[in-house]
Amino acid sequence: MAAQIKNAHSILRRRQVEKRVGLTRSPLYARIKDGTFPKPIRLGNGRAVGWIEAEIDAWLDEQIEKSRKA
């Protein structure tokens, strides 16, 4: 049971990502297109997508590190 919890992924929806990183929809998707932001994953067969929380956390950590070096 503990191994299942350890490997569980949390998925964030777009509005949650926007709030977390401080970007709105257009800049968010522009960064995805540029390859400077994690790509979303498809949730089912429809248009719904989500982001893996750990990837968003890693991106935020990277931004903090970049800003501290500047």
C-alpha atoms as a PDB file:
ATOM      1  CA  MET A   1       0.000   0.000   0.000  1.00  0.00           C
ATOM      2  CA  ALA A   2       2.786   2.472   0.853  1.00  0.00           C
ATOM      3  CA  ALA A   3       4.422   1.851  -2.544  1.00  0.00           C
ATOM      4  CA  GLN A   4       1.173   2.768  -4.298  1.00  0.00           C
ATOM      5  CA  ILE A   5       0.923   6.050  -2.443  1.00  0.00           C
ATOM      6  CA  LYS A   6       4.569   6.885  -3.125  1.00  0.00           C
ATOM      7  CA  ASN A   7       4.104   6.408  -6.896  1.00  0.00           C
ATOM      8  CA  ALA A   8       0.805   8.287  -7.120  1.00  0.00           C
ATOM      9  CA  HIS A   9       0.763  11.299  -9.425  1.00  0.00           C
ATOM     10  CA  SER A  10      -1.244  14.423  -8.856  1.00  0.00           C
ATOM     11  CA  ILE A  11      -2.758  16.098 -11.883  1.00  0.00           C
ATOM     12  CA  LEU A  12      -3.402  19.830 -11.986  1.00  0.00           C
ATOM     13  CA  ARG A  13      -5.951  21.386 -14.304  1.00  0.00           C
ATOM     14  CA  ARG A  14      -5.175  24.563 -16.253  1.00  0.00           C
ATOM     15  CA  ARG A  15      -6.683  27.018 -13.779  1.00  0.00           C
ATOM     16  CA  GLN A  16      -4.763  25.418 -10.936  1.00  0.00           C
ATOM     17  CA  VAL A  17      -1.545  25.703 -12.965  1.00  0.00           C
ATOM     18  CA  GLU A  18      -2.297  29.343 -13.815  1.00  0.00           C
ATOM     19  CA  LYS A  19      -2.757  30.219 -10.143  1.00  0.00           C
ATOM     20  CA  ARG A  20       0.330  28.302  -9.115  1.00  0.00           C
ATOM     21  CA  VAL A  21       2.763  29.770 -11.647  1.00  0.00           C
ATOM     22  CA  GLY A  22       1.238  33.220 -12.117  1.00  0.00           C
ATOM     23  CA  LEU A  23       0.689  32.925 -15.868  1.00  0.00           C
ATOM     24  CA  THR A  24      -2.572  33.168 -17.765  1.00  0.00           C
ATOM     25  CA  ARG A  25      -3.670  30.894 -20.596  1.00  0.00           C
ATOM     26  CA  SER A  26      -2.005  32.572 -23.598  1.00  0.00           C
ATOM     27  CA  PRO A  27       1.483  32.995 -22.075  1.00  0.00           C
ATOM     28  CA  LEU A  28       1.243  29.488 -20.649  1.00  0.00           C
ATOM     29  CA  TYR A  29       0.556  27.902 -24.036  1.00  0.00           C
ATOM     30  CA  ALA A  30       3.163  30.117 -25.716  1.00  0.00           C
ATOM     31  CA  ARG A  31       5.798  28.753 -23.324  1.00  0.00           C
ATOM     32  CA  ILE A  32       4.628  25.201 -24.000  1.00  0.00           C
ATOM     33  CA  LYS A  33       5.006  25.853 -27.724  1.00  0.00           C
ATOM     34  CA  ASP A  34       8.515  27.290 -27.136  1.00  0.00           C
ATOM     35  CA  GLY A  35       9.436  24.246 -25.081  1.00  0.00           C
ATOM     36  CA  THR A  36      10.073  26.270 -21.926  1.00  0.00           C
ATOM     37  CA  PHE A  37       7.141  24.903 -19.917  1.00  0.00           C
ATOM     38  CA  PRO A  38       6.011  21.311 -19.225  1.00  0.00           C
ATOM     39  CA  LYS A  39       3.556  19.874 -21.728  1.00  0.00           C
ATOM     40  CA  PRO A  40       0.148  18.777 -20.497  1.00  0.00           C
ATOM     41  CA  ILE A  41      -1.087  15.214 -20.720  1.00  0.00           C
ATOM     42  CA  ARG A  42      -4.416  14.165 -22.224  1.00  0.00           C
ATOM     43  CA  LEU A  43      -7.083  13.044 -19.799  1.00  0.00           C
ATOM     44  CA  GLY A  44      -9.205  10.531 -21.651  1.00  0.00           C
ATOM     45  CA  ASN A  45     -10.377  10.782 -25.253  1.00  0.00           C
ATOM     46  CA  GLY A  46     -11.737  14.321 -25.113  1.00  0.00           C
ATOM     47  CA  ARG A  47     -10.020  17.693 -25.079  1.00  0.00           C
ATOM     48  CA  ALA A  48      -9.376  17.684 -21.332  1.00  0.00           C
ATOM     49  CA  VAL A  49      -5.743  18.012 -20.327  1.00  0.00           C
ATOM     50  CA  GLY A  50      -3.820  18.281 -17.085  1.00  0.00           C
ATOM     51  CA  TRP A  51      -0.277  18.801 -15.873  1.00  0.00           C
ATOM     52  CA  ILE A  52       1.717  16.512 -13.640  1.00  0.00           C
ATOM     53  CA  GLU A  53       2.169  18.390 -10.382  1.00  0.00           C
ATOM     54  CA  ALA A  54       5.767  17.212  -9.917  1.00  0.00           C
ATOM     55  CA  GLU A  55       6.720  18.687 -13.324  1.00  0.00           C
ATOM     56  CA  ILE A  56       5.150  22.022 -12.402  1.00  0.00           C
ATOM     57  CA  ASP A  57       6.984  21.996  -9.058  1.00  0.00           C
ATOM     58  CA  ALA A  58      10.271  21.271 -10.857  1.00  0.00           C
ATOM     59  CA  TRP A  59       9.622  24.131 -13.295  1.00  0.00           C
ATOM     60  CA  LEU A  60       8.942  26.501 -10.402  1.00  0.00           C
ATOM     61  CA  ASP A  61      12.135  25.377  -8.643  1.00  0.00           C
ATOM     62  CA  GLU A  62      14.069  26.040 -11.853  1.00  0.00           C
ATOM     63  CA  GLN A  63      12.603  29.547 -12.132  1.00  0.00           C
ATOM     64  CA  ILE A  64      13.552  30.295  -8.532  1.00  0.00           C
ATOM     65  CA  GLU A  65      17.090  29.023  -9.149  1.00  0.00           C
ATOM     66  CA  LYS A  66      17.424  31.167 -12.300  1.00  0.00           C
ATOM     67  CA  SER A  67      16.209  34.283 -10.478  1.00  0.00           C
ATOM     68  CA  ARG A  68      18.649  33.749  -7.605  1.00  0.00           C
ATOM     69  CA  LYS A  69      21.625  33.479  -9.976  1.00  0.00           C
ATOM     70  CA  ALA A  70      20.759  36.683 -11.838  1.00  0.00           C
END
